[in-house]
Amino acid sequence: MARSKSSKRWLKEHFKDPYVQQAQSEGYRSRAVYKLKEIQEKDRLIKPGMIVVELGASPGGWSQYVAQCLKGSGKIIALDILPMDALPEVTFIQGDFREQTVLDELNATIGDNALVDLVISDMAPNTSGVKSVDQAKSMYLVELAVEFAYQRLKDNGNLLTKIFHGPGFDTLMRSLRKDFERVLTRKPDASRARSQETYLLAKGFKRDNS
């Protein structure tokens, strides 16, 4: 099937993208790694010895970078509905995070009594082109990530999740501010300017409040 003009235009832009070229030259699986890298350099979220859970991990650029930051000390568990090629020191679960059986497997992998230091989520829905529908789908995934963080984050743990500005954004920010010391937004340089995506960073979970 012939590619559409918009598809050809996207491919041309993609391969000229300096972050795509940099990822290829540095051996990362996706340009998205530079979003997390910039946030890490600013906020120092990842440290050796941590237990990190990544939601929406495929193709694995973030997982690669987290494993580098852990330096062989700690644990990263990555999950995605799509397959992901194996990575050293990364435990991968393939499944739909919206399904209880997949969530049960994730919790079992973490350990019944274990709590995690950091939850990171780059989950995004398949888009329909209808803004209101896509926003609702996106916010649902964010809410699932937040709910998981409330269940499994240790006291003073952190949450980083992709989010799109729109209905529900301000309400979620207000809610998180009750249970985290600080709630910030980050728009890394590697996020395309035309994209509505931003990253919501909730630092210092107050477990006794939840």
N, C-alpha and C. Protein backbone atom coordinates (compact mmCIF):
# COMPACT_ATOMS: atom_id res chain seq x y z
N MET A 1 0.84 -1.19 0.00
CA MET A 1 0.00 0.00 0.00
C MET A 1 0.88 1.25 0.00
N ALA A 2 0.59 2.18 -0.88
CA ALA A 2 1.40 3.40 -1.00
C ALA A 2 1.24 4.27 0.24
N ARG A 3 2.33 4.90 0.63
CA ARG A 3 2.28 5.80 1.78
C ARG A 3 1.59 7.10 1.40
N SER A 4 0.87 7.69 2.36
CA SER A 4 0.23 8.97 2.14
C SER A 4 1.28 10.07 2.17
N LYS A 5 0.90 11.25 1.68
CA LYS A 5 1.82 12.39 1.70
C LYS A 5 2.22 12.74 3.12
N SER A 6 1.25 12.67 4.06
CA SER A 6 1.56 13.02 5.44
C SER A 6 2.52 12.01 6.05
N SER A 7 2.36 10.72 5.66
CA SER A 7 3.26 9.69 6.17
C SER A 7 4.67 9.90 5.64
N LYS A 8 4.79 10.22 4.36
CA LYS A 8 6.10 10.48 3.77
C LYS A 8 6.75 11.70 4.41
N ARG A 9 5.94 12.72 4.68
CA ARG A 9 6.45 13.93 5.30
C ARG A 9 6.96 13.63 6.71
N TRP A 10 6.21 12.79 7.45
CA TRP A 10 6.62 12.44 8.81
C TRP A 10 7.93 11.67 8.79
N LEU A 11 8.05 10.72 7.86
CA LEU A 11 9.27 9.93 7.78
C LEU A 11 10.48 10.80 7.45
N LYS A 12 10.29 11.74 6.52
CA LYS A 12 11.38 12.62 6.14
C LYS A 12 11.81 13.47 7.34
N GLU A 13 10.83 14.01 8.06
CA GLU A 13 11.12 14.82 9.24
C GLU A 13 11.79 13.96 10.32
N HIS A 14 11.29 12.74 10.48
CA HIS A 14 11.80 11.85 11.53
C HIS A 14 13.28 11.57 11.34
N PHE A 15 13.67 11.21 10.13
CA PHE A 15 15.06 10.82 9.91
C PHE A 15 16.00 12.02 9.87
N LYS A 16 15.48 13.22 9.71
CA LYS A 16 16.31 14.42 9.80
C LYS A 16 16.39 14.95 11.24
N ASP A 17 15.56 14.42 12.11
CA ASP A 17 15.49 14.86 13.50
C ASP A 17 16.85 14.64 14.17
N PRO A 18 17.44 15.69 14.76
CA PRO A 18 18.75 15.53 15.39
C PRO A 18 18.74 14.54 16.55
N TYR A 19 17.60 14.43 17.25
CA TYR A 19 17.53 13.47 18.36
C TYR A 19 17.47 12.03 17.85
N VAL A 20 16.82 11.82 16.71
CA VAL A 20 16.83 10.50 16.08
C VAL A 20 18.25 10.13 15.68
N GLN A 21 18.94 11.08 15.06
CA GLN A 21 20.32 10.83 14.63
C GLN A 21 21.23 10.58 15.82
N GLN A 22 21.04 11.34 16.88
CA GLN A 22 21.86 11.17 18.08
C GLN A 22 21.60 9.81 18.73
N ALA A 23 20.32 9.41 18.80
CA ALA A 23 19.98 8.11 19.38
C ALA A 23 20.64 6.98 18.59
N GLN A 24 20.62 7.10 17.27
CA GLN A 24 21.25 6.07 16.43
C GLN A 24 22.75 6.01 16.67
N SER A 25 23.39 7.17 16.77
CA SER A 25 24.84 7.19 16.95
C SER A 25 25.26 6.73 18.34
N GLU A 26 24.40 6.93 19.34
CA GLU A 26 24.74 6.56 20.72
C GLU A 26 24.17 5.21 21.12
N GLY A 27 23.46 4.55 20.21
CA GLY A 27 22.99 3.19 20.46
C GLY A 27 21.73 3.09 21.29
N TYR A 28 20.95 4.16 21.35
CA TYR A 28 19.67 4.11 22.06
C TYR A 28 18.55 3.69 21.11
N ARG A 29 17.53 3.10 21.67
CA ARG A 29 16.46 2.54 20.85
C ARG A 29 15.45 3.58 20.36
N SER A 30 15.41 4.74 20.98
CA SER A 30 14.45 5.76 20.55
C SER A 30 14.95 7.14 20.95
N ARG A 31 14.44 8.15 20.26
CA ARG A 31 14.77 9.54 20.57
C ARG A 31 14.20 9.96 21.92
N ALA A 32 13.18 9.23 22.40
CA ALA A 32 12.52 9.58 23.65
C ALA A 32 13.48 9.54 24.84
N VAL A 33 14.59 8.82 24.70
CA VAL A 33 15.55 8.73 25.80
C VAL A 33 16.02 10.12 26.23
N TYR A 34 16.09 11.06 25.29
CA TYR A 34 16.63 12.38 25.63
C TYR A 34 15.64 13.22 26.44
N LYS A 35 14.37 12.84 26.39
CA LYS A 35 13.39 13.49 27.28
C LYS A 35 13.70 13.11 28.73
N LEU A 36 13.85 11.81 28.96
CA LEU A 36 14.15 11.35 30.31
C LEU A 36 15.52 11.82 30.76
N LYS A 37 16.49 11.81 29.85
CA LYS A 37 17.86 12.23 30.19
C LYS A 37 17.87 13.69 30.67
N GLU A 38 17.14 14.56 29.98
CA GLU A 38 17.10 15.97 30.39
C GLU A 38 16.44 16.12 31.76
N ILE A 39 15.36 15.38 32.00
CA ILE A 39 14.69 15.45 33.29
C ILE A 39 15.60 14.91 34.39
N GLN A 40 16.29 13.82 34.11
CA GLN A 40 17.22 13.24 35.09
C GLN A 40 18.34 14.22 35.43
N GLU A 41 18.88 14.90 34.43
CA GLU A 41 19.96 15.84 34.69
C GLU A 41 19.50 17.02 35.53
N LYS A 42 18.22 17.35 35.42
CA LYS A 42 17.67 18.47 36.19
C LYS A 42 17.20 18.05 37.58
N ASP A 43 16.55 16.89 37.66
CA ASP A 43 15.86 16.51 38.89
C ASP A 43 16.46 15.33 39.64
N ARG A 44 17.43 14.65 39.05
CA ARG A 44 18.14 13.55 39.74
C ARG A 44 17.16 12.53 40.35
N LEU A 45 16.31 11.99 39.52
CA LEU A 45 15.29 11.06 40.00
C LEU A 45 15.84 9.65 40.20
N ILE A 46 16.82 9.25 39.38
CA ILE A 46 17.28 7.87 39.35
C ILE A 46 18.65 7.76 40.01
N LYS A 47 18.75 6.86 40.99
CA LYS A 47 20.01 6.66 41.69
C LYS A 47 20.26 5.16 41.86
N PRO A 48 21.52 4.75 41.89
CA PRO A 48 21.82 3.33 42.11
C PRO A 48 21.13 2.81 43.37
N GLY A 49 20.67 1.55 43.28
CA GLY A 49 20.01 0.91 44.41
C GLY A 49 18.50 1.02 44.39
N MET A 50 17.95 1.82 43.51
CA MET A 50 16.51 2.05 43.46
C MET A 50 15.78 0.88 42.79
N ILE A 51 14.49 0.76 43.14
CA ILE A 51 13.56 -0.08 42.39
C ILE A 51 12.71 0.87 41.54
N VAL A 52 12.77 0.68 40.22
CA VAL A 52 12.08 1.56 39.28
C VAL A 52 11.10 0.73 38.46
N VAL A 53 9.88 1.24 38.30
CA VAL A 53 8.89 0.62 37.42
C VAL A 53 8.62 1.57 36.26
N GLU A 54 8.73 1.05 35.04
CA GLU A 54 8.44 1.84 33.85
C GLU A 54 7.20 1.29 33.15
N LEU A 55 6.24 2.15 32.88
CA LEU A 55 5.02 1.78 32.17
C LEU A 55 5.08 2.39 30.77
N GLY A 56 4.74 1.59 29.77
CA GLY A 56 4.83 2.08 28.39
C GLY A 56 6.26 2.09 27.91
N ALA A 57 6.95 0.96 28.08
CA ALA A 57 8.41 0.94 27.94
C ALA A 57 8.91 0.74 26.51
N SER A 58 8.18 0.04 25.68
CA SER A 58 8.68 -0.30 24.33
C SER A 58 8.89 0.97 23.50
N PRO A 59 9.98 1.04 22.73
CA PRO A 59 10.94 0.00 22.38
C PRO A 59 12.10 -0.18 23.35
N GLY A 60 12.17 0.67 24.40
CA GLY A 60 13.17 0.42 25.43
C GLY A 60 14.21 1.50 25.67
N GLY A 61 14.05 2.66 25.04
CA GLY A 61 15.04 3.72 25.23
C GLY A 61 15.15 4.18 26.67
N TRP A 62 14.00 4.38 27.31
CA TRP A 62 14.02 4.80 28.72
C TRP A 62 14.62 3.71 29.59
N SER A 63 14.25 2.46 29.33
CA SER A 63 14.78 1.34 30.12
C SER A 63 16.31 1.27 30.02
N GLN A 64 16.82 1.47 28.80
CA GLN A 64 18.28 1.49 28.61
C GLN A 64 18.92 2.53 29.51
N TYR A 65 18.35 3.72 29.50
CA TYR A 65 18.93 4.83 30.24
C TYR A 65 18.83 4.61 31.76
N VAL A 66 17.66 4.11 32.21
CA VAL A 66 17.50 3.83 33.64
C VAL A 66 18.54 2.80 34.09
N ALA A 67 18.72 1.74 33.30
CA ALA A 67 19.70 0.71 33.66
C ALA A 67 21.11 1.31 33.77
N GLN A 68 21.43 2.24 32.88
CA GLN A 68 22.74 2.91 32.96
C GLN A 68 22.86 3.70 34.27
N CYS A 69 21.79 4.40 34.63
CA CYS A 69 21.81 5.22 35.85
C CYS A 69 21.90 4.35 37.11
N LEU A 70 21.31 3.15 37.08
CA LEU A 70 21.35 2.27 38.24
C LEU A 70 22.73 1.65 38.44
N LYS A 71 23.52 1.56 37.38
CA LYS A 71 24.90 1.08 37.44
C LYS A 71 25.02 -0.30 38.08
N GLY A 72 24.08 -1.17 37.73
CA GLY A 72 24.15 -2.54 38.22
C GLY A 72 23.63 -2.75 39.62
N SER A 73 23.17 -1.68 40.27
CA SER A 73 22.65 -1.76 41.64
C SER A 73 21.22 -1.26 41.65
N GLY A 74 20.29 -2.15 41.91
CA GLY A 74 18.88 -1.78 41.88
C GLY A 74 18.12 -2.69 40.94
N LYS A 75 16.94 -2.26 40.55
CA LYS A 75 16.07 -3.11 39.75
C LYS A 75 15.16 -2.25 38.90
N ILE A 76 15.01 -2.60 37.64
CA ILE A 76 14.02 -1.94 36.80
C ILE A 76 13.10 -2.99 36.20
N ILE A 77 11.81 -2.76 36.35
CA ILE A 77 10.77 -3.61 35.78
C ILE A 77 10.02 -2.77 34.76
N ALA A 78 10.02 -3.22 33.51
CA ALA A 78 9.41 -2.47 32.42
C ALA A 78 8.21 -3.24 31.88
N LEU A 79 7.17 -2.49 31.49
CA LEU A 79 5.94 -3.12 31.02
C LEU A 79 5.43 -2.38 29.79
N ASP A 80 4.92 -3.14 28.82
CA ASP A 80 4.29 -2.52 27.66
C ASP A 80 3.37 -3.54 26.99
N ILE A 81 2.33 -3.03 26.34
CA ILE A 81 1.43 -3.88 25.57
C ILE A 81 2.13 -4.42 24.32
N LEU A 82 3.15 -3.70 23.84
CA LEU A 82 3.93 -4.10 22.67
C LEU A 82 5.15 -4.91 23.10
N PRO A 83 5.66 -5.76 22.21
CA PRO A 83 6.88 -6.49 22.55
C PRO A 83 8.09 -5.56 22.67
N MET A 84 9.08 -6.01 23.39
CA MET A 84 10.32 -5.25 23.53
C MET A 84 11.48 -6.23 23.58
N ASP A 85 12.48 -6.01 22.75
CA ASP A 85 13.66 -6.88 22.76
C ASP A 85 14.34 -6.80 24.13
N ALA A 86 14.89 -7.91 24.55
CA ALA A 86 15.50 -8.00 25.88
C ALA A 86 16.63 -7.00 26.04
N LEU A 87 16.76 -6.51 27.25
CA LEU A 87 17.84 -5.60 27.64
C LEU A 87 18.52 -6.14 28.88
N PRO A 88 19.83 -6.02 28.98
CA PRO A 88 20.51 -6.45 30.20
C PRO A 88 19.98 -5.70 31.42
N GLU A 89 19.77 -6.44 32.50
CA GLU A 89 19.38 -5.87 33.80
C GLU A 89 17.99 -5.23 33.78
N VAL A 90 17.17 -5.56 32.79
CA VAL A 90 15.80 -5.06 32.73
C VAL A 90 14.84 -6.25 32.70
N THR A 91 13.90 -6.29 33.63
CA THR A 91 12.85 -7.31 33.63
C THR A 91 11.66 -6.76 32.86
N PHE A 92 11.28 -7.44 31.79
CA PHE A 92 10.20 -6.94 30.93
C PHE A 92 8.96 -7.83 31.03
N ILE A 93 7.80 -7.18 31.14
CA ILE A 93 6.51 -7.85 31.13
C ILE A 93 5.72 -7.30 29.95
N GLN A 94 5.26 -8.18 29.08
CA GLN A 94 4.42 -7.73 27.98
C GLN A 94 2.95 -7.96 28.34
N GLY A 95 2.18 -6.90 28.25
CA GLY A 95 0.76 -7.01 28.55
C GLY A 95 0.12 -5.65 28.62
N ASP A 96 -1.20 -5.66 28.67
CA ASP A 96 -2.00 -4.43 28.72
C ASP A 96 -2.18 -4.01 30.18
N PHE A 97 -1.61 -2.87 30.52
CA PHE A 97 -1.64 -2.39 31.92
C PHE A 97 -3.06 -2.19 32.42
N ARG A 98 -4.02 -2.07 31.53
CA ARG A 98 -5.41 -1.87 31.93
C ARG A 98 -6.06 -3.17 32.42
N GLU A 99 -5.40 -4.30 32.20
CA GLU A 99 -5.97 -5.59 32.58
C GLU A 99 -5.46 -6.03 33.95
N GLN A 100 -6.35 -6.54 34.78
CA GLN A 100 -6.01 -6.91 36.14
C GLN A 100 -4.96 -8.02 36.18
N THR A 101 -5.03 -8.98 35.25
CA THR A 101 -4.05 -10.07 35.26
C THR A 101 -2.63 -9.56 35.03
N VAL A 102 -2.51 -8.54 34.17
CA VAL A 102 -1.19 -7.96 33.90
C VAL A 102 -0.70 -7.18 35.12
N LEU A 103 -1.59 -6.43 35.74
CA LEU A 103 -1.24 -5.70 36.96
C LEU A 103 -0.83 -6.67 38.06
N ASP A 104 -1.52 -7.80 38.16
CA ASP A 104 -1.16 -8.81 39.16
C ASP A 104 0.24 -9.35 38.91
N GLU A 105 0.57 -9.58 37.63
CA GLU A 105 1.92 -10.07 37.29
C GLU A 105 2.98 -9.03 37.65
N LEU A 106 2.68 -7.78 37.38
CA LEU A 106 3.62 -6.70 37.72
C LEU A 106 3.83 -6.65 39.23
N ASN A 107 2.75 -6.70 39.98
CA ASN A 107 2.87 -6.65 41.44
C ASN A 107 3.64 -7.85 41.98
N ALA A 108 3.41 -9.03 41.39
CA ALA A 108 4.14 -10.22 41.82
C ALA A 108 5.63 -10.10 41.53
N THR A 109 5.97 -9.47 40.40
CA THR A 109 7.37 -9.29 40.03
C THR A 109 8.07 -8.31 40.98
N ILE A 110 7.35 -7.28 41.38
CA ILE A 110 7.90 -6.34 42.36
C ILE A 110 8.12 -7.05 43.69
N GLY A 111 7.17 -7.87 44.08
CA GLY A 111 7.21 -8.55 45.37
C GLY A 111 6.08 -8.06 46.24
N ASP A 112 5.45 -8.98 46.94
CA ASP A 112 4.23 -8.66 47.69
C ASP A 112 4.41 -7.51 48.67
N ASN A 113 5.52 -7.49 49.35
CA ASN A 113 5.71 -6.49 50.41
C ASN A 113 6.67 -5.37 50.02
N ALA A 114 7.14 -5.40 48.79
CA ALA A 114 8.12 -4.41 48.35
C ALA A 114 7.42 -3.14 47.87
N LEU A 115 8.08 -2.02 48.11
CA LEU A 115 7.62 -0.74 47.59
C LEU A 115 8.71 -0.20 46.66
N VAL A 116 8.32 0.64 45.73
CA VAL A 116 9.27 1.10 44.71
C VAL A 116 9.64 2.57 44.95
N ASP A 117 10.80 2.94 44.43
CA ASP A 117 11.30 4.30 44.60
C ASP A 117 10.76 5.27 43.55
N LEU A 118 10.52 4.74 42.35
CA LEU A 118 10.17 5.63 41.23
C LEU A 118 9.27 4.89 40.24
N VAL A 119 8.20 5.56 39.84
CA VAL A 119 7.34 5.08 38.76
C VAL A 119 7.46 6.08 37.62
N ILE A 120 7.80 5.58 36.43
CA ILE A 120 7.87 6.44 35.25
C ILE A 120 6.93 5.88 34.18
N SER A 121 6.23 6.76 33.50
CA SER A 121 5.26 6.32 32.50
C SER A 121 5.34 7.20 31.26
N ASP A 122 5.56 6.55 30.14
CA ASP A 122 5.51 7.23 28.86
C ASP A 122 4.34 6.67 28.03
N MET A 123 3.35 6.12 28.73
CA MET A 123 2.20 5.52 28.06
C MET A 123 1.42 6.58 27.28
N ALA A 124 0.96 6.19 26.11
CA ALA A 124 0.10 7.05 25.30
C ALA A 124 -0.84 6.15 24.51
N PRO A 125 -2.09 6.58 24.30
CA PRO A 125 -3.03 5.74 23.58
C PRO A 125 -2.83 5.83 22.07
N ASN A 126 -3.37 4.87 21.35
CA ASN A 126 -3.49 5.02 19.91
C ASN A 126 -4.46 6.16 19.64
N THR A 127 -4.05 7.11 18.82
CA THR A 127 -4.88 8.30 18.60
C THR A 127 -5.89 8.09 17.48
N SER A 128 -7.04 8.74 17.64
CA SER A 128 -8.11 8.65 16.65
C SER A 128 -8.18 9.89 15.76
N GLY A 129 -7.52 10.98 16.22
CA GLY A 129 -7.63 12.25 15.51
C GLY A 129 -8.74 13.14 16.06
N VAL A 130 -9.57 12.56 16.93
CA VAL A 130 -10.62 13.34 17.59
C VAL A 130 -10.06 13.79 18.94
N LYS A 131 -9.81 15.07 19.07
CA LYS A 131 -9.06 15.58 20.22
C LYS A 131 -9.69 15.21 21.56
N SER A 132 -11.01 15.36 21.66
CA SER A 132 -11.68 15.09 22.94
C SER A 132 -11.57 13.61 23.31
N VAL A 133 -11.68 12.74 22.31
CA VAL A 133 -11.57 11.30 22.55
C VAL A 133 -10.14 10.93 22.95
N ASP A 134 -9.18 11.46 22.22
CA ASP A 134 -7.78 11.15 22.50
C ASP A 134 -7.36 11.67 23.87
N GLN A 135 -7.85 12.85 24.25
CA GLN A 135 -7.53 13.41 25.56
C GLN A 135 -8.08 12.53 26.67
N ALA A 136 -9.30 12.04 26.49
CA ALA A 136 -9.91 11.18 27.50
C ALA A 136 -9.14 9.87 27.64
N LYS A 137 -8.73 9.30 26.52
CA LYS A 137 -7.95 8.07 26.55
C LYS A 137 -6.61 8.29 27.26
N SER A 138 -5.96 9.40 26.93
CA SER A 138 -4.68 9.72 27.54
C SER A 138 -4.80 9.92 29.04
N MET A 139 -5.82 10.68 29.45
CA MET A 139 -6.00 10.95 30.88
C MET A 139 -6.31 9.67 31.64
N TYR A 140 -7.00 8.75 31.02
CA TYR A 140 -7.29 7.47 31.66
C TYR A 140 -5.99 6.72 31.97
N LEU A 141 -5.07 6.71 31.02
CA LEU A 141 -3.78 6.05 31.24
C LEU A 141 -2.99 6.74 32.35
N VAL A 142 -3.03 8.06 32.36
CA VAL A 142 -2.34 8.80 33.43
C VAL A 142 -2.94 8.44 34.78
N GLU A 143 -4.26 8.38 34.85
CA GLU A 143 -4.92 8.06 36.11
C GLU A 143 -4.56 6.66 36.59
N LEU A 144 -4.41 5.72 35.65
CA LEU A 144 -3.99 4.36 36.02
C LEU A 144 -2.57 4.37 36.58
N ALA A 145 -1.69 5.14 35.94
CA ALA A 145 -0.31 5.24 36.42
C ALA A 145 -0.27 5.85 37.82
N VAL A 146 -1.08 6.88 38.03
CA VAL A 146 -1.15 7.54 39.35
C VAL A 146 -1.68 6.56 40.40
N GLU A 147 -2.72 5.84 40.04
CA GLU A 147 -3.30 4.87 40.98
C GLU A 147 -2.27 3.81 41.37
N PHE A 148 -1.52 3.34 40.38
CA PHE A 148 -0.47 2.36 40.67
C PHE A 148 0.60 2.96 41.58
N ALA A 149 0.98 4.20 41.30
CA ALA A 149 2.00 4.87 42.13
C ALA A 149 1.53 4.98 43.58
N TYR A 150 0.28 5.30 43.78
CA TYR A 150 -0.26 5.40 45.14
C TYR A 150 -0.18 4.05 45.86
N GLN A 151 -0.36 2.99 45.11
CA GLN A 151 -0.34 1.65 45.72
C GLN A 151 1.07 1.17 46.03
N ARG A 152 2.04 1.50 45.16
CA ARG A 152 3.34 0.84 45.28
C ARG A 152 4.52 1.75 45.57
N LEU A 153 4.35 3.07 45.54
CA LEU A 153 5.47 3.95 45.87
C LEU A 153 5.77 3.92 47.36
N LYS A 154 7.06 3.91 47.68
CA LYS A 154 7.44 4.04 49.09
C LYS A 154 7.34 5.50 49.52
N ASP A 155 7.38 5.73 50.80
CA ASP A 155 7.36 7.10 51.32
C ASP A 155 8.51 7.89 50.72
N ASN A 156 8.24 9.07 50.25
CA ASN A 156 9.20 9.97 49.61
C ASN A 156 9.57 9.53 48.20
N GLY A 157 8.83 8.57 47.64
CA GLY A 157 9.06 8.14 46.26
C GLY A 157 8.56 9.17 45.26
N ASN A 158 8.91 8.96 43.98
CA ASN A 158 8.59 9.94 42.93
C ASN A 158 7.83 9.29 41.77
N LEU A 159 7.06 10.11 41.08
CA LEU A 159 6.29 9.70 39.91
C LEU A 159 6.55 10.67 38.77
N LEU A 160 6.84 10.11 37.59
CA LEU A 160 7.00 10.91 36.37
C LEU A 160 6.10 10.30 35.31
N THR A 161 5.17 11.08 34.77
CA THR A 161 4.26 10.55 33.76
C THR A 161 4.01 11.53 32.64
N LYS A 162 3.93 11.01 31.43
CA LYS A 162 3.52 11.82 30.28
C LYS A 162 2.06 12.23 30.47
N ILE A 163 1.74 13.46 30.10
CA ILE A 163 0.37 13.93 30.19
C ILE A 163 0.16 14.98 29.10
N PHE A 164 -1.07 15.08 28.63
CA PHE A 164 -1.41 16.07 27.62
C PHE A 164 -2.32 17.11 28.25
N HIS A 165 -2.05 18.38 27.97
CA HIS A 165 -2.88 19.45 28.50
C HIS A 165 -4.29 19.32 27.95
N GLY A 166 -5.27 19.50 28.84
CA GLY A 166 -6.66 19.39 28.43
C GLY A 166 -7.53 19.13 29.64
N PRO A 167 -8.79 18.76 29.44
CA PRO A 167 -9.68 18.49 30.56
C PRO A 167 -9.10 17.45 31.51
N GLY A 168 -9.17 17.74 32.79
CA GLY A 168 -8.66 16.83 33.81
C GLY A 168 -7.27 17.16 34.30
N PHE A 169 -6.53 17.96 33.53
CA PHE A 169 -5.13 18.25 33.89
C PHE A 169 -5.05 19.01 35.22
N ASP A 170 -5.76 20.10 35.33
CA ASP A 170 -5.68 20.93 36.55
C ASP A 170 -6.22 20.19 37.77
N THR A 171 -7.27 19.41 37.58
CA THR A 171 -7.84 18.64 38.69
C THR A 171 -6.83 17.63 39.21
N LEU A 172 -6.14 16.97 38.30
CA LEU A 172 -5.13 16.00 38.71
C LEU A 172 -3.98 16.68 39.44
N MET A 173 -3.54 17.81 38.95
CA MET A 173 -2.46 18.55 39.62
C MET A 173 -2.84 18.88 41.06
N ARG A 174 -4.06 19.37 41.26
CA ARG A 174 -4.51 19.72 42.61
C ARG A 174 -4.56 18.49 43.51
N SER A 175 -5.00 17.39 42.96
CA SER A 175 -5.09 16.16 43.75
C SER A 175 -3.71 15.67 44.17
N LEU A 176 -2.76 15.68 43.24
CA LEU A 176 -1.42 15.20 43.55
C LEU A 176 -0.72 16.08 44.59
N ARG A 177 -1.00 17.35 44.56
CA ARG A 177 -0.35 18.27 45.51
C ARG A 177 -0.72 17.96 46.96
N LYS A 178 -1.79 17.23 47.18
CA LYS A 178 -2.19 16.85 48.53
C LYS A 178 -1.30 15.72 49.06
N ASP A 179 -0.75 14.93 48.16
CA ASP A 179 -0.06 13.71 48.58
C ASP A 179 1.42 13.66 48.21
N PHE A 180 1.92 14.69 47.54
CA PHE A 180 3.34 14.79 47.21
C PHE A 180 3.87 16.14 47.69
N GLU A 181 5.15 16.16 48.02
CA GLU A 181 5.75 17.40 48.50
C GLU A 181 5.75 18.48 47.42
N ARG A 182 6.07 18.08 46.18
CA ARG A 182 6.12 19.04 45.07
C ARG A 182 5.55 18.39 43.82
N VAL A 183 4.80 19.16 43.04
CA VAL A 183 4.27 18.69 41.77
C VAL A 183 4.66 19.73 40.71
N LEU A 184 5.41 19.27 39.70
CA LEU A 184 5.97 20.16 38.69
C LEU A 184 5.62 19.65 37.31
N THR A 185 5.82 20.48 36.31
CA THR A 185 5.73 20.03 34.93
C THR A 185 7.08 20.25 34.25
N ARG A 186 7.38 19.37 33.32
CA ARG A 186 8.61 19.47 32.55
C ARG A 186 8.29 19.31 31.07
N LYS A 187 8.88 20.16 30.24
CA LYS A 187 8.74 20.06 28.77
C LYS A 187 10.15 19.96 28.20
N PRO A 188 10.66 18.74 28.09
CA PRO A 188 12.04 18.58 27.60
C PRO A 188 12.21 19.10 26.17
N ASP A 189 13.42 19.49 25.84
CA ASP A 189 13.71 19.98 24.49
C ASP A 189 13.39 18.92 23.43
N ALA A 190 13.53 17.65 23.79
CA ALA A 190 13.28 16.58 22.82
C ALA A 190 11.79 16.36 22.55
N SER A 191 10.92 16.94 23.35
CA SER A 191 9.49 16.91 23.03
C SER A 191 9.25 17.87 21.88
N ARG A 192 8.65 17.38 20.81
CA ARG A 192 8.44 18.23 19.64
C ARG A 192 7.56 19.42 20.02
N ALA A 193 7.92 20.59 19.51
CA ALA A 193 7.26 21.84 19.88
C ALA A 193 5.76 21.80 19.61
N ARG A 194 5.36 21.14 18.52
CA ARG A 194 3.94 21.13 18.17
C ARG A 194 3.13 20.16 19.04
N SER A 195 3.83 19.28 19.76
CA SER A 195 3.15 18.29 20.58
C SER A 195 2.61 18.92 21.86
N GLN A 196 1.42 18.49 22.25
CA GLN A 196 0.81 18.96 23.50
C GLN A 196 1.33 18.20 24.72
N GLU A 197 2.22 17.24 24.48
CA GLU A 197 2.70 16.43 25.60
C GLU A 197 3.57 17.26 26.53
N THR A 198 3.45 16.94 27.79
CA THR A 198 4.38 17.45 28.79
C THR A 198 4.57 16.32 29.79
N TYR A 199 5.43 16.53 30.75
CA TYR A 199 5.65 15.49 31.75
C TYR A 199 5.34 16.07 33.13
N LEU A 200 4.55 15.31 33.85
CA LEU A 200 4.15 15.72 35.20
C LEU A 200 5.06 14.98 36.17
N LEU A 201 5.71 15.73 37.03
CA LEU A 201 6.66 15.18 37.99
C LEU A 201 6.15 15.44 39.40
N ALA A 202 5.83 14.36 40.10
CA ALA A 202 5.37 14.45 41.49
C ALA A 202 6.47 13.89 42.38
N LYS A 203 7.01 14.73 43.24
CA LYS A 203 8.18 14.36 44.06
C LYS A 203 7.81 14.31 45.54
N GLY A 204 8.35 13.30 46.22
CA GLY A 204 8.17 13.23 47.66
C GLY A 204 6.80 12.73 48.09
N PHE A 205 6.47 11.50 47.72
CA PHE A 205 5.18 10.92 48.08
C PHE A 205 5.02 10.86 49.60
N LYS A 206 3.89 11.34 50.09
CA LYS A 206 3.59 11.30 51.52
C LYS A 206 2.67 10.12 51.77
N ARG A 207 3.28 8.97 52.01
CA ARG A 207 2.52 7.72 52.05
C ARG A 207 1.46 7.72 53.16
N ASP A 208 1.74 8.35 54.27
CA ASP A 208 0.78 8.37 55.37
C ASP A 208 -0.49 9.13 55.01
N ASN A 209 -0.41 10.00 53.98
CA ASN A 209 -1.58 10.79 53.58
C ASN A 209 -2.53 10.00 52.71
N SER A 210 -1.99 8.98 51.99
CA SER A 210 -2.77 8.31 50.96
C SER A 210 -3.73 7.27 51.56
